[in-house]
């Protein structure tokens, strides 16, 4: 069963000069990224069939992203190189006061339009994943994002969602992010949020309050990742917390995307439809394995490097 991931592919430029602002920093580490790009790579690393719909510039950085996906085995039929746009960059530095200095140079990723994907046949896919915070920024991708969700639902395709909130992308317009996210939360079949995102999206102060709101207002199976404490899982009216595995973390980048990729990979092996349901025991096993994938990712520096070490042999 094939999976389609939709959203941004970009280059992260991470300042390696400790405590320096972007204007002061001289040295940067270039990393390929973008949440749905990471998820697609994780699925492929585990052995799944996955395609990525995204747009990058027809430049050295876009071609690097393309080659990275192909090296992982991700199908790139809908990974588009745009001559008229540059590849999106995110520059970030952790300053001495703990704040992040951030500049987002948005390029091709936001230009993915419905016309770009007019020949995309969603019926080829059993599962579609939306996991791009940039999909909620103004631009063609915003329209494409929601339209593809509606088309997937009309065709009874299983829908997965991860909001991937980034405060630095929505410093003055968090409400827009929240409102758009709720449309997906209420219509998807599975979603993953962090504990911080759960409280933000529900406008609550505690995790327990957030869980109650999400239970009352959504029908989806959902997972709330809790870091080293594991993952809270909701299936129908059942709530349980599934512990993670002990590790010595080096870098948490991409752990959430590895978790989602592992969930999607396992769902793709279940021959599911949007109307089918899995038992609580099956979901518990899926999340246990996804916790392992997320934890193992933290043992390496950089998401893509970590995904090279992912395989389905880590599963029980």
Foldseek 3Di string as FASTA:
>chain_A
DEEEEEFEKAKEWEFPPAQDAPVPGDDTDIFIDFLSLLLLLLLLLAPHAYEYAFEAAPDPGLVVSVVLNVVSVHDHPRHYHHPVKHGKYWYWYQHPVRDIRIDTDDIRRQARACVSCVVPDCVVDQEYEYEGLCCLPDGRSVVVVVVVLVVCVVVQHAYEYENPDDCVVVVPNVVSSLVVVLVCQARHAEYEYELVVLCSNVVHDGSVVSVVVSLVRHQHWYWYQDPQQAIWTDDNNDIDGQGADDDDFDAQPSLVSSLSSQLVSVVVVVPDTSPDDDDPVVVSLSRRLSSHRSRQCRNDDGSSVSSNPDYNVSGD
